[in-house]
């Protein structure tokens, strides 16, 4: 291990799991203005509250149906498709396996509604690779609030400088860095693997995909 980093912290959506909200929206709705539709759904205040565990699924469905001017049934279909579309990125799962084999501690830190996380937890088998999984809706805190990063550090007595954080949101990475955590802005899985490998001095061989 180099740079004294012993702990690798992963965001989940668009880092470990595929996350393409535009495709998910188009699977249910005919979308002419994607920016406006995103603002009414996945970027809405209601979704942020849902991520943080401050809004129930019933409340979310009712409010989002009003936002989009559609039936609750359509919103239910959208939520079902979210869990279906969040598929593991094999190369990232292989990277996590490699990190564990090399002795790193690996954590997940994700903004995610409890119901969606539960579906994903039951379906996929890689969760055991993480030393801990911090989900926003479970603790009523969400990125980029510095408190959620501090929660993870405090819970496991981690030193910020001993950690590196990977997230696809540059604001989330910037907040982590402001706390002394190293950070990588994820653009795609290969860039993330390359950047982390360079930072940690990992073996150059590609992680084996199971």
N, C-alpha and C. Protein backbone atom coordinates (compact mmCIF):
# COMPACT_ATOMS: atom_id res chain seq x y z
N UNK A 1 0.84 -1.19 0.00
CA UNK A 1 0.00 0.00 0.00
C UNK A 1 0.89 1.25 0.00
N UNK A 2 0.47 2.26 -0.75
CA UNK A 2 1.23 3.49 -0.80
C UNK A 2 0.41 4.63 -0.24
N UNK A 3 1.10 5.75 -0.01
CA UNK A 3 0.46 6.98 0.45
C UNK A 3 -0.23 6.80 1.80
N UNK A 4 0.06 5.73 2.52
CA UNK A 4 -0.52 5.43 3.83
C UNK A 4 -2.02 5.17 3.76
N UNK A 5 -2.59 5.10 2.57
CA UNK A 5 -4.02 4.85 2.44
C UNK A 5 -4.30 3.38 2.70
N UNK A 6 -5.21 3.14 3.63
CA UNK A 6 -5.56 1.78 4.02
C UNK A 6 -7.03 1.46 3.74
N UNK A 7 -7.81 2.51 3.44
CA UNK A 7 -9.26 2.37 3.34
C UNK A 7 -9.76 2.99 2.05
N UNK A 8 -10.56 2.23 1.31
CA UNK A 8 -11.12 2.72 0.05
C UNK A 8 -12.64 2.79 0.20
N UNK A 9 -13.19 3.97 -0.07
CA UNK A 9 -14.61 4.22 0.11
C UNK A 9 -15.25 4.43 -1.26
N UNK A 10 -16.27 3.64 -1.55
CA UNK A 10 -16.94 3.70 -2.85
C UNK A 10 -18.35 4.26 -2.72
N UNK A 11 -18.69 5.19 -3.60
CA UNK A 11 -20.09 5.46 -3.90
C UNK A 11 -20.63 4.22 -4.60
N UNK A 12 -21.95 4.08 -4.69
CA UNK A 12 -22.53 2.90 -5.32
C UNK A 12 -23.03 3.21 -6.74
N UNK A 13 -24.02 4.11 -6.86
CA UNK A 13 -24.60 4.41 -8.16
C UNK A 13 -23.62 5.07 -9.11
N UNK A 14 -23.47 4.49 -10.29
CA UNK A 14 -22.57 4.98 -11.33
C UNK A 14 -21.10 4.79 -10.97
N UNK A 15 -20.85 4.00 -9.93
CA UNK A 15 -19.48 3.64 -9.56
C UNK A 15 -19.36 2.12 -9.47
N UNK A 16 -20.15 1.51 -8.61
CA UNK A 16 -20.17 0.05 -8.49
C UNK A 16 -21.34 -0.54 -9.28
N UNK A 17 -22.44 0.18 -9.30
CA UNK A 17 -23.62 -0.23 -10.07
C UNK A 17 -23.88 0.77 -11.19
N UNK A 18 -24.35 0.28 -12.32
CA UNK A 18 -24.74 1.17 -13.41
C UNK A 18 -25.88 2.07 -12.95
N UNK A 19 -25.84 3.34 -13.37
CA UNK A 19 -26.91 4.28 -13.02
C UNK A 19 -27.11 5.21 -14.20
N UNK A 20 -28.17 4.97 -14.97
CA UNK A 20 -28.48 5.77 -16.14
C UNK A 20 -29.93 6.25 -16.02
N UNK A 21 -30.15 7.30 -15.24
CA UNK A 21 -31.52 7.74 -14.95
C UNK A 21 -32.31 8.14 -16.19
N UNK A 22 -31.64 8.67 -17.20
CA UNK A 22 -32.37 9.04 -18.42
C UNK A 22 -32.99 7.82 -19.07
N UNK A 23 -32.25 6.72 -19.13
CA UNK A 23 -32.77 5.49 -19.72
C UNK A 23 -33.92 4.94 -18.88
N UNK A 24 -33.81 5.06 -17.57
CA UNK A 24 -34.87 4.57 -16.69
C UNK A 24 -36.15 5.37 -16.91
N UNK A 25 -36.02 6.67 -17.03
CA UNK A 25 -37.20 7.51 -17.28
C UNK A 25 -37.84 7.16 -18.61
N UNK A 26 -37.02 6.95 -19.63
CA UNK A 26 -37.57 6.63 -20.95
C UNK A 26 -38.20 5.24 -20.99
N UNK A 27 -37.86 4.39 -20.03
CA UNK A 27 -38.48 3.07 -19.99
C UNK A 27 -39.94 3.14 -19.56
N UNK A 28 -40.34 4.28 -19.00
CA UNK A 28 -41.72 4.43 -18.52
C UNK A 28 -42.45 5.57 -19.24
N UNK A 29 -41.74 6.66 -19.50
CA UNK A 29 -42.37 7.86 -20.04
C UNK A 29 -41.82 8.20 -21.43
N UNK A 30 -42.64 8.90 -22.20
CA UNK A 30 -42.18 9.53 -23.43
C UNK A 30 -41.66 10.90 -23.04
N UNK A 31 -40.36 11.09 -23.12
CA UNK A 31 -39.72 12.29 -22.58
C UNK A 31 -39.26 13.20 -23.71
N UNK A 32 -39.81 14.41 -23.76
CA UNK A 32 -39.38 15.39 -24.76
C UNK A 32 -38.35 16.36 -24.20
N UNK A 33 -38.42 16.61 -22.89
CA UNK A 33 -37.47 17.52 -22.23
C UNK A 33 -36.87 16.78 -21.04
N UNK A 34 -35.70 16.16 -21.25
CA UNK A 34 -35.12 15.33 -20.21
C UNK A 34 -34.71 16.15 -19.00
N UNK A 35 -34.18 17.35 -19.22
CA UNK A 35 -33.76 18.19 -18.10
C UNK A 35 -34.93 18.49 -17.17
N UNK A 36 -36.08 18.83 -17.77
CA UNK A 36 -37.27 19.13 -16.96
C UNK A 36 -37.77 17.88 -16.25
N UNK A 37 -37.73 16.73 -16.94
CA UNK A 37 -38.20 15.49 -16.32
C UNK A 37 -37.29 15.08 -15.16
N UNK A 38 -35.99 15.23 -15.33
CA UNK A 38 -35.07 14.92 -14.24
C UNK A 38 -35.35 15.81 -13.03
N UNK A 39 -35.65 17.08 -13.28
CA UNK A 39 -35.93 18.02 -12.19
C UNK A 39 -37.19 17.63 -11.43
N UNK A 40 -38.11 16.95 -12.10
CA UNK A 40 -39.37 16.54 -11.46
C UNK A 40 -39.25 15.18 -10.78
N UNK A 41 -38.18 14.47 -11.04
CA UNK A 41 -38.06 13.10 -10.54
C UNK A 41 -36.77 12.92 -9.73
N UNK A 42 -35.71 12.45 -10.36
CA UNK A 42 -34.51 12.06 -9.63
C UNK A 42 -33.71 13.23 -9.07
N UNK A 43 -33.94 14.43 -9.57
CA UNK A 43 -33.25 15.61 -9.04
C UNK A 43 -34.18 16.50 -8.22
N UNK A 44 -35.36 15.99 -7.93
CA UNK A 44 -36.35 16.79 -7.19
C UNK A 44 -36.05 16.80 -5.69
N UNK A 45 -36.63 17.77 -5.01
CA UNK A 45 -36.50 17.84 -3.55
C UNK A 45 -37.09 16.59 -2.91
N UNK A 46 -38.16 16.08 -3.51
CA UNK A 46 -38.80 14.88 -2.95
C UNK A 46 -37.86 13.68 -3.02
N UNK A 47 -37.16 13.53 -4.15
CA UNK A 47 -36.24 12.40 -4.25
C UNK A 47 -35.08 12.55 -3.27
N UNK A 48 -34.60 13.76 -3.10
CA UNK A 48 -33.53 14.01 -2.13
C UNK A 48 -33.99 13.63 -0.72
N UNK A 49 -35.24 13.98 -0.40
CA UNK A 49 -35.78 13.61 0.91
C UNK A 49 -35.95 12.10 1.03
N UNK A 50 -36.33 11.46 -0.07
CA UNK A 50 -36.46 10.00 -0.10
C UNK A 50 -35.10 9.34 0.10
N UNK A 51 -34.09 9.86 -0.57
CA UNK A 51 -32.71 9.39 -0.38
C UNK A 51 -32.29 9.46 1.08
N UNK A 52 -32.76 10.50 1.75
CA UNK A 52 -32.32 10.77 3.12
C UNK A 52 -33.20 10.09 4.17
N UNK A 53 -34.20 9.35 3.71
CA UNK A 53 -35.08 8.65 4.64
C UNK A 53 -36.08 9.55 5.32
N UNK A 54 -36.34 10.71 4.72
CA UNK A 54 -37.26 11.68 5.32
C UNK A 54 -38.63 11.65 4.66
N UNK A 55 -38.80 10.82 3.64
CA UNK A 55 -40.06 10.71 2.92
C UNK A 55 -40.33 9.23 2.69
N UNK A 56 -41.55 8.79 2.97
CA UNK A 56 -41.90 7.39 2.76
C UNK A 56 -42.10 7.12 1.26
N UNK A 57 -42.09 5.85 0.90
CA UNK A 57 -42.33 5.49 -0.50
C UNK A 57 -43.71 5.95 -0.94
N UNK A 58 -44.69 5.81 -0.09
CA UNK A 58 -46.05 6.25 -0.42
C UNK A 58 -46.08 7.76 -0.67
N UNK A 59 -45.43 8.51 0.19
CA UNK A 59 -45.40 9.97 0.03
C UNK A 59 -44.66 10.36 -1.24
N UNK A 60 -43.57 9.66 -1.52
CA UNK A 60 -42.81 9.95 -2.74
C UNK A 60 -43.66 9.71 -3.97
N UNK A 61 -44.34 8.57 -4.02
CA UNK A 61 -45.14 8.24 -5.20
C UNK A 61 -46.23 9.28 -5.42
N UNK A 62 -46.88 9.69 -4.34
CA UNK A 62 -47.95 10.68 -4.47
C UNK A 62 -47.43 12.01 -4.97
N UNK A 63 -46.31 12.48 -4.39
CA UNK A 63 -45.78 13.78 -4.77
C UNK A 63 -45.18 13.76 -6.17
N UNK A 64 -44.50 12.68 -6.52
CA UNK A 64 -43.89 12.61 -7.84
C UNK A 64 -44.95 12.50 -8.93
N UNK A 65 -46.05 11.81 -8.63
CA UNK A 65 -47.15 11.74 -9.60
C UNK A 65 -47.71 13.13 -9.88
N UNK A 66 -47.78 13.96 -8.84
CA UNK A 66 -48.21 15.35 -9.03
C UNK A 66 -47.18 16.13 -9.84
N UNK A 67 -45.92 15.94 -9.53
CA UNK A 67 -44.86 16.65 -10.25
C UNK A 67 -44.89 16.36 -11.75
N UNK A 68 -45.03 15.07 -12.07
CA UNK A 68 -44.95 14.63 -13.46
C UNK A 68 -46.30 14.70 -14.16
N UNK A 69 -47.37 14.81 -13.36
CA UNK A 69 -48.74 14.78 -13.87
C UNK A 69 -49.02 13.43 -14.53
N UNK A 70 -48.83 12.39 -13.72
CA UNK A 70 -49.07 11.03 -14.21
C UNK A 70 -49.73 10.22 -13.10
N UNK A 71 -50.01 8.97 -13.38
CA UNK A 71 -50.63 8.10 -12.38
C UNK A 71 -49.59 7.60 -11.39
N UNK A 72 -50.07 7.21 -10.22
CA UNK A 72 -49.18 6.59 -9.24
C UNK A 72 -48.65 5.27 -9.78
N UNK A 73 -49.46 4.58 -10.59
CA UNK A 73 -49.01 3.33 -11.20
C UNK A 73 -47.76 3.54 -12.05
N UNK A 74 -47.71 4.66 -12.76
CA UNK A 74 -46.53 4.95 -13.58
C UNK A 74 -45.30 5.18 -12.71
N UNK A 75 -45.49 5.85 -11.58
CA UNK A 75 -44.36 6.07 -10.66
C UNK A 75 -43.92 4.75 -10.04
N UNK A 76 -44.87 3.88 -9.74
CA UNK A 76 -44.51 2.56 -9.21
C UNK A 76 -43.66 1.78 -10.22
N UNK A 77 -44.03 1.88 -11.50
CA UNK A 77 -43.24 1.23 -12.55
C UNK A 77 -41.84 1.82 -12.63
N UNK A 78 -41.77 3.14 -12.46
CA UNK A 78 -40.46 3.80 -12.49
C UNK A 78 -39.57 3.29 -11.36
N UNK A 79 -40.12 3.19 -10.16
CA UNK A 79 -39.34 2.74 -9.01
C UNK A 79 -38.89 1.29 -9.19
N UNK A 80 -39.75 0.46 -9.75
CA UNK A 80 -39.37 -0.93 -10.02
C UNK A 80 -38.21 -0.99 -11.01
N UNK A 81 -38.26 -0.12 -12.01
CA UNK A 81 -37.21 -0.12 -13.02
C UNK A 81 -35.89 0.41 -12.49
N UNK A 82 -35.94 1.26 -11.47
CA UNK A 82 -34.70 1.75 -10.86
C UNK A 82 -33.89 0.57 -10.32
N UNK A 83 -34.54 -0.27 -9.53
CA UNK A 83 -33.84 -1.41 -8.94
C UNK A 83 -33.35 -2.39 -10.00
N UNK A 84 -34.16 -2.57 -11.05
CA UNK A 84 -33.78 -3.48 -12.13
C UNK A 84 -32.56 -2.96 -12.89
N UNK A 85 -32.53 -1.63 -13.10
CA UNK A 85 -31.48 -1.03 -13.92
C UNK A 85 -30.15 -0.89 -13.19
N UNK A 86 -30.17 -0.92 -11.88
CA UNK A 86 -28.93 -0.78 -11.11
C UNK A 86 -28.18 -2.12 -11.09
N UNK A 87 -27.46 -2.37 -12.18
CA UNK A 87 -26.75 -3.63 -12.34
C UNK A 87 -25.28 -3.47 -11.98
N UNK A 88 -24.68 -4.50 -11.39
CA UNK A 88 -23.26 -4.40 -11.04
C UNK A 88 -22.37 -4.18 -12.26
N UNK A 89 -21.34 -3.38 -12.08
CA UNK A 89 -20.29 -3.20 -13.08
C UNK A 89 -19.21 -4.24 -12.76
N UNK A 90 -19.08 -5.30 -13.55
CA UNK A 90 -18.20 -6.42 -13.17
C UNK A 90 -16.77 -6.00 -12.88
N UNK A 91 -16.25 -5.05 -13.65
CA UNK A 91 -14.87 -4.62 -13.45
C UNK A 91 -14.67 -3.95 -12.10
N UNK A 92 -15.69 -3.24 -11.62
CA UNK A 92 -15.57 -2.58 -10.32
C UNK A 92 -15.69 -3.59 -9.18
N UNK A 93 -16.56 -4.57 -9.35
CA UNK A 93 -16.65 -5.63 -8.34
C UNK A 93 -15.32 -6.39 -8.26
N UNK A 94 -14.72 -6.64 -9.43
CA UNK A 94 -13.41 -7.32 -9.45
C UNK A 94 -12.34 -6.47 -8.78
N UNK A 95 -12.41 -5.15 -8.96
CA UNK A 95 -11.47 -4.25 -8.30
C UNK A 95 -11.61 -4.35 -6.78
N UNK A 96 -12.84 -4.37 -6.30
CA UNK A 96 -13.07 -4.47 -4.85
C UNK A 96 -12.52 -5.79 -4.33
N UNK A 97 -12.73 -6.86 -5.07
CA UNK A 97 -12.17 -8.16 -4.67
C UNK A 97 -10.65 -8.09 -4.59
N UNK A 98 -10.03 -7.43 -5.56
CA UNK A 98 -8.58 -7.29 -5.56
C UNK A 98 -8.10 -6.50 -4.34
N UNK A 99 -8.81 -5.41 -4.04
CA UNK A 99 -8.44 -4.59 -2.88
C UNK A 99 -8.51 -5.40 -1.59
N UNK A 100 -9.55 -6.20 -1.45
CA UNK A 100 -9.69 -7.03 -0.25
C UNK A 100 -8.54 -8.04 -0.15
N UNK A 101 -8.19 -8.63 -1.28
CA UNK A 101 -7.09 -9.60 -1.28
C UNK A 101 -5.77 -8.96 -0.89
N UNK A 102 -5.63 -7.67 -1.20
CA UNK A 102 -4.39 -6.95 -0.88
C UNK A 102 -4.39 -6.37 0.53
N UNK A 103 -5.49 -6.56 1.25
CA UNK A 103 -5.53 -6.14 2.65
C UNK A 103 -6.16 -4.79 2.93
N UNK A 104 -6.73 -4.16 1.92
CA UNK A 104 -7.42 -2.89 2.16
C UNK A 104 -8.77 -3.13 2.81
N UNK A 105 -9.21 -2.15 3.59
CA UNK A 105 -10.58 -2.15 4.08
C UNK A 105 -11.41 -1.34 3.09
N UNK A 106 -12.59 -1.85 2.80
CA UNK A 106 -13.41 -1.27 1.73
C UNK A 106 -14.79 -0.94 2.29
N UNK A 107 -15.24 0.27 2.01
CA UNK A 107 -16.52 0.76 2.52
C UNK A 107 -17.38 1.28 1.38
N UNK A 108 -18.69 1.25 1.58
CA UNK A 108 -19.64 1.88 0.66
C UNK A 108 -20.28 3.06 1.37
N UNK A 109 -20.42 4.16 0.65
CA UNK A 109 -21.05 5.37 1.18
C UNK A 109 -21.96 5.92 0.09
N UNK A 110 -23.26 5.71 0.25
CA UNK A 110 -24.17 5.97 -0.87
C UNK A 110 -25.44 6.69 -0.43
N UNK A 111 -25.88 7.61 -1.28
CA UNK A 111 -27.22 8.18 -1.15
C UNK A 111 -28.18 7.24 -1.85
N UNK A 112 -29.09 6.62 -1.09
CA UNK A 112 -30.00 5.66 -1.68
C UNK A 112 -31.21 5.45 -0.78
N UNK A 113 -32.41 5.40 -1.36
CA UNK A 113 -33.59 5.08 -0.56
C UNK A 113 -33.50 3.67 0.02
N UNK A 114 -34.05 3.50 1.20
CA UNK A 114 -33.95 2.22 1.90
C UNK A 114 -34.58 1.08 1.11
N UNK A 115 -35.75 1.33 0.50
CA UNK A 115 -36.45 0.26 -0.21
C UNK A 115 -35.65 -0.23 -1.42
N UNK A 116 -35.02 0.70 -2.13
CA UNK A 116 -34.22 0.31 -3.29
C UNK A 116 -32.97 -0.43 -2.85
N UNK A 117 -32.32 0.05 -1.80
CA UNK A 117 -31.14 -0.66 -1.31
C UNK A 117 -31.50 -2.07 -0.87
N UNK A 118 -32.63 -2.24 -0.20
CA UNK A 118 -33.02 -3.56 0.26
C UNK A 118 -33.19 -4.52 -0.90
N UNK A 119 -33.82 -4.04 -1.99
CA UNK A 119 -33.98 -4.88 -3.18
C UNK A 119 -32.63 -5.28 -3.76
N UNK A 120 -31.72 -4.32 -3.83
CA UNK A 120 -30.40 -4.59 -4.38
C UNK A 120 -29.60 -5.52 -3.47
N UNK A 121 -29.73 -5.33 -2.17
CA UNK A 121 -29.00 -6.15 -1.21
C UNK A 121 -29.44 -7.61 -1.31
N UNK A 122 -30.73 -7.82 -1.53
CA UNK A 122 -31.24 -9.18 -1.62
C UNK A 122 -30.88 -9.85 -2.94
N UNK A 123 -30.70 -9.05 -3.99
CA UNK A 123 -30.47 -9.62 -5.32
C UNK A 123 -29.01 -9.92 -5.61
N UNK A 124 -28.11 -9.05 -5.16
CA UNK A 124 -26.70 -9.16 -5.55
C UNK A 124 -25.85 -9.73 -4.41
N UNK A 125 -24.78 -10.41 -4.79
CA UNK A 125 -24.01 -11.19 -3.83
C UNK A 125 -22.69 -10.55 -3.41
N UNK A 126 -22.38 -9.37 -3.93
CA UNK A 126 -21.05 -8.80 -3.67
C UNK A 126 -20.99 -7.96 -2.40
N UNK A 127 -22.11 -7.71 -1.75
CA UNK A 127 -22.13 -6.79 -0.62
C UNK A 127 -21.22 -7.24 0.52
N UNK A 128 -21.01 -8.55 0.64
CA UNK A 128 -20.16 -9.05 1.72
C UNK A 128 -18.72 -8.58 1.60
N UNK A 129 -18.35 -8.09 0.43
CA UNK A 129 -16.98 -7.61 0.24
C UNK A 129 -16.71 -6.34 1.03
N UNK A 130 -17.74 -5.58 1.33
CA UNK A 130 -17.56 -4.32 2.05
C UNK A 130 -17.43 -4.57 3.55
N UNK A 131 -16.51 -3.84 4.16
CA UNK A 131 -16.39 -3.90 5.62
C UNK A 131 -17.56 -3.21 6.30
N UNK A 132 -18.16 -2.24 5.63
CA UNK A 132 -19.39 -1.62 6.11
C UNK A 132 -20.05 -0.90 4.94
N UNK A 133 -21.36 -0.75 5.03
CA UNK A 133 -22.14 -0.07 4.00
C UNK A 133 -22.96 1.01 4.68
N UNK A 134 -22.68 2.25 4.36
CA UNK A 134 -23.40 3.38 4.94
C UNK A 134 -24.37 3.91 3.89
N UNK A 135 -25.66 3.81 4.18
CA UNK A 135 -26.71 4.25 3.26
C UNK A 135 -27.41 5.47 3.86
N UNK A 136 -27.56 6.50 3.06
CA UNK A 136 -28.09 7.78 3.53
C UNK A 136 -29.43 7.64 4.25
N UNK A 137 -30.33 6.87 3.67
CA UNK A 137 -31.68 6.75 4.25
C UNK A 137 -31.68 6.03 5.59
N UNK A 138 -30.64 5.26 5.87
CA UNK A 138 -30.56 4.54 7.14
C UNK A 138 -30.16 5.45 8.30
N UNK A 139 -29.43 6.52 7.98
CA UNK A 139 -28.90 7.38 9.06
C UNK A 139 -29.39 8.82 8.95
N UNK A 140 -30.30 9.07 8.00
CA UNK A 140 -30.91 10.41 7.83
C UNK A 140 -29.87 11.49 7.54
N UNK A 141 -28.81 11.09 6.85
CA UNK A 141 -27.78 12.02 6.38
C UNK A 141 -27.47 11.67 4.94
N UNK A 142 -27.12 12.68 4.14
CA UNK A 142 -26.83 12.42 2.73
C UNK A 142 -25.67 13.27 2.26
N UNK A 143 -24.90 12.73 1.32
CA UNK A 143 -23.88 13.53 0.65
C UNK A 143 -24.56 14.67 -0.10
N UNK A 144 -23.96 15.84 -0.15
CA UNK A 144 -22.60 16.18 0.26
C UNK A 144 -22.46 16.75 1.68
N UNK A 145 -23.43 16.48 2.55
CA UNK A 145 -23.31 16.94 3.94
C UNK A 145 -22.04 16.34 4.56
N UNK A 146 -21.13 17.16 5.05
CA UNK A 146 -19.90 16.63 5.65
C UNK A 146 -20.15 15.64 6.78
N UNK A 147 -21.31 15.73 7.41
CA UNK A 147 -21.59 14.86 8.56
C UNK A 147 -21.65 13.38 8.17
N UNK A 148 -22.06 13.08 6.94
CA UNK A 148 -22.16 11.66 6.58
C UNK A 148 -20.76 11.05 6.40
N UNK A 149 -19.82 11.84 5.90
CA UNK A 149 -18.44 11.37 5.79
C UNK A 149 -17.85 11.19 7.20
N UNK A 150 -18.13 12.18 8.06
CA UNK A 150 -17.61 12.11 9.42
C UNK A 150 -18.21 10.95 10.17
N UNK A 151 -19.47 10.63 9.87
CA UNK A 151 -20.13 9.48 10.50
C UNK A 151 -19.33 8.20 10.22
N UNK A 152 -18.95 8.01 8.95
CA UNK A 152 -18.18 6.82 8.59
C UNK A 152 -16.81 6.82 9.27
N UNK A 153 -16.14 7.97 9.24
CA UNK A 153 -14.82 8.05 9.87
C UNK A 153 -14.91 7.73 11.36
N UNK A 154 -15.89 8.33 12.03
CA UNK A 154 -16.02 8.13 13.48
C UNK A 154 -16.42 6.70 13.83
N UNK A 155 -17.34 6.14 13.05
CA UNK A 155 -17.84 4.80 13.35
C UNK A 155 -16.72 3.77 13.36
N UNK A 156 -15.76 3.95 12.46
CA UNK A 156 -14.69 2.95 12.32
C UNK A 156 -13.32 3.48 12.74
N UNK A 157 -13.33 4.63 13.43
CA UNK A 157 -12.09 5.24 13.92
C UNK A 157 -11.06 5.38 12.80
N UNK A 158 -11.52 5.88 11.67
CA UNK A 158 -10.65 6.05 10.50
C UNK A 158 -10.01 7.43 10.51
N UNK A 159 -8.77 7.50 10.08
CA UNK A 159 -8.08 8.77 9.87
C UNK A 159 -8.34 9.19 8.43
N UNK A 160 -8.81 10.43 8.24
CA UNK A 160 -9.19 10.89 6.90
C UNK A 160 -8.08 10.69 5.89
N UNK A 161 -6.85 11.02 6.28
CA UNK A 161 -5.72 10.92 5.35
C UNK A 161 -5.39 9.48 4.97
N UNK A 162 -5.95 8.52 5.69
CA UNK A 162 -5.74 7.10 5.39
C UNK A 162 -6.81 6.55 4.46
N UNK A 163 -7.69 7.44 3.95
CA UNK A 163 -8.83 7.01 3.15
C UNK A 163 -8.81 7.66 1.77
N UNK A 164 -9.37 6.96 0.80
CA UNK A 164 -9.61 7.54 -0.52
C UNK A 164 -11.05 7.22 -0.91
N UNK A 165 -11.72 8.19 -1.53
CA UNK A 165 -13.15 8.12 -1.81
C UNK A 165 -13.38 8.26 -3.31
N UNK A 166 -14.20 7.37 -3.87
CA UNK A 166 -14.54 7.41 -5.29
C UNK A 166 -16.03 7.70 -5.46
N UNK A 167 -16.34 8.75 -6.22
CA UNK A 167 -17.73 9.15 -6.43
C UNK A 167 -17.83 9.79 -7.81
N UNK A 168 -19.00 9.66 -8.44
CA UNK A 168 -19.19 10.26 -9.76
C UNK A 168 -19.63 11.71 -9.69
N UNK A 169 -19.86 12.22 -8.49
CA UNK A 169 -20.30 13.61 -8.30
C UNK A 169 -19.12 14.43 -7.78
N UNK A 170 -18.74 15.45 -8.55
CA UNK A 170 -17.54 16.23 -8.18
C UNK A 170 -17.73 16.99 -6.87
N UNK A 171 -18.96 17.37 -6.55
CA UNK A 171 -19.20 18.07 -5.28
C UNK A 171 -18.96 17.13 -4.12
N UNK A 172 -19.44 15.90 -4.24
CA UNK A 172 -19.23 14.92 -3.18
C UNK A 172 -17.74 14.65 -2.96
N UNK A 173 -16.99 14.59 -4.04
CA UNK A 173 -15.54 14.37 -3.94
C UNK A 173 -14.87 15.58 -3.30
N UNK A 174 -15.32 16.78 -3.68
CA UNK A 174 -14.72 18.01 -3.12
C UNK A 174 -14.94 18.10 -1.62
N UNK A 175 -16.12 17.71 -1.15
CA UNK A 175 -16.39 17.75 0.29
C UNK A 175 -15.51 16.74 1.01
N UNK A 176 -15.37 15.56 0.44
CA UNK A 176 -14.48 14.55 1.04
C UNK A 176 -13.06 15.11 1.17
N UNK A 177 -12.59 15.75 0.12
CA UNK A 177 -11.23 16.31 0.14
C UNK A 177 -11.11 17.41 1.20
N UNK A 178 -12.19 18.19 1.39
CA UNK A 178 -12.15 19.26 2.39
C UNK A 178 -11.98 18.71 3.80
N UNK A 179 -12.35 17.44 3.99
CA UNK A 179 -12.20 16.78 5.29
C UNK A 179 -10.87 16.05 5.42
N UNK A 180 -10.06 16.11 4.38
CA UNK A 180 -8.76 15.45 4.41
C UNK A 180 -8.72 14.08 3.78
N UNK A 181 -9.87 13.66 3.21
CA UNK A 181 -9.95 12.36 2.52
C UNK A 181 -9.46 12.54 1.09
N UNK A 182 -8.64 11.64 0.60
CA UNK A 182 -8.25 11.68 -0.81
C UNK A 182 -9.48 11.37 -1.66
N UNK A 183 -9.51 11.87 -2.89
CA UNK A 183 -10.70 11.67 -3.71
C UNK A 183 -10.41 11.45 -5.18
N UNK A 184 -11.28 10.67 -5.81
CA UNK A 184 -11.24 10.45 -7.25
C UNK A 184 -12.63 10.68 -7.80
N UNK A 185 -12.74 11.57 -8.77
CA UNK A 185 -14.01 11.78 -9.48
C UNK A 185 -14.11 10.71 -10.56
N UNK A 186 -15.16 9.90 -10.47
CA UNK A 186 -15.33 8.78 -11.40
C UNK A 186 -16.05 9.27 -12.66
N UNK A 187 -15.43 9.03 -13.80
CA UNK A 187 -16.04 9.33 -15.09
C UNK A 187 -16.54 8.04 -15.74
N UNK A 188 -15.74 7.01 -15.67
CA UNK A 188 -16.13 5.68 -16.13
C UNK A 188 -15.29 4.66 -15.38
N UNK A 189 -15.67 3.40 -15.50
CA UNK A 189 -15.02 2.39 -14.65
C UNK A 189 -13.53 2.24 -14.96
N UNK A 190 -13.15 2.31 -16.24
CA UNK A 190 -11.74 2.12 -16.56
C UNK A 190 -10.88 3.26 -16.03
N UNK A 191 -11.38 4.49 -16.16
CA UNK A 191 -10.65 5.64 -15.60
C UNK A 191 -10.53 5.52 -14.09
N UNK A 192 -11.61 5.07 -13.44
CA UNK A 192 -11.58 4.92 -11.98
C UNK A 192 -10.56 3.87 -11.56
N UNK A 193 -10.56 2.74 -12.26
CA UNK A 193 -9.60 1.68 -11.95
C UNK A 193 -8.17 2.17 -12.16
N UNK A 194 -7.94 2.86 -13.29
CA UNK A 194 -6.60 3.35 -13.59
C UNK A 194 -6.13 4.37 -12.56
N UNK A 195 -7.02 5.32 -12.22
CA UNK A 195 -6.63 6.37 -11.28
C UNK A 195 -6.36 5.81 -9.89
N UNK A 196 -7.22 4.88 -9.45
CA UNK A 196 -7.01 4.29 -8.13
C UNK A 196 -5.76 3.42 -8.12
N UNK A 197 -5.55 2.67 -9.18
CA UNK A 197 -4.36 1.81 -9.26
C UNK A 197 -3.09 2.65 -9.23
N UNK A 198 -3.10 3.77 -9.95
CA UNK A 198 -1.93 4.65 -9.94
C UNK A 198 -1.70 5.24 -8.56
N UNK A 199 -2.78 5.65 -7.91
CA UNK A 199 -2.66 6.28 -6.59
C UNK A 199 -2.13 5.30 -5.55
N UNK A 200 -2.65 4.08 -5.58
CA UNK A 200 -2.28 3.09 -4.57
C UNK A 200 -1.06 2.27 -4.96
N UNK A 201 -0.65 2.37 -6.22
CA UNK A 201 0.45 1.53 -6.69
C UNK A 201 0.05 0.07 -6.79
N UNK A 202 -1.17 -0.17 -7.25
CA UNK A 202 -1.66 -1.55 -7.38
C UNK A 202 -0.95 -2.25 -8.53
N UNK A 203 -0.90 -3.58 -8.48
CA UNK A 203 -0.36 -4.33 -9.61
C UNK A 203 -1.09 -3.96 -10.89
N UNK A 204 -0.36 -3.90 -11.99
CA UNK A 204 -0.93 -3.42 -13.24
C UNK A 204 -1.81 -4.43 -13.94
N UNK A 205 -1.79 -5.68 -13.52
CA UNK A 205 -2.64 -6.67 -14.14
C UNK A 205 -4.09 -6.31 -13.90
N UNK A 206 -4.93 -6.57 -14.90
CA UNK A 206 -6.35 -6.25 -14.78
C UNK A 206 -6.99 -7.14 -13.73
N UNK A 207 -7.91 -6.57 -12.91
CA UNK A 207 -8.65 -7.42 -11.98
C UNK A 207 -9.41 -8.50 -12.73
N UNK A 208 -9.37 -9.71 -12.23
CA UNK A 208 -10.06 -10.81 -12.89
C UNK A 208 -11.55 -10.71 -12.65
N UNK A 209 -12.33 -10.77 -13.74
CA UNK A 209 -13.78 -10.70 -13.64
C UNK A 209 -14.32 -12.10 -13.44
N UNK A 210 -15.06 -12.26 -12.37
CA UNK A 210 -15.60 -13.59 -12.07
C UNK A 210 -16.79 -13.88 -12.96
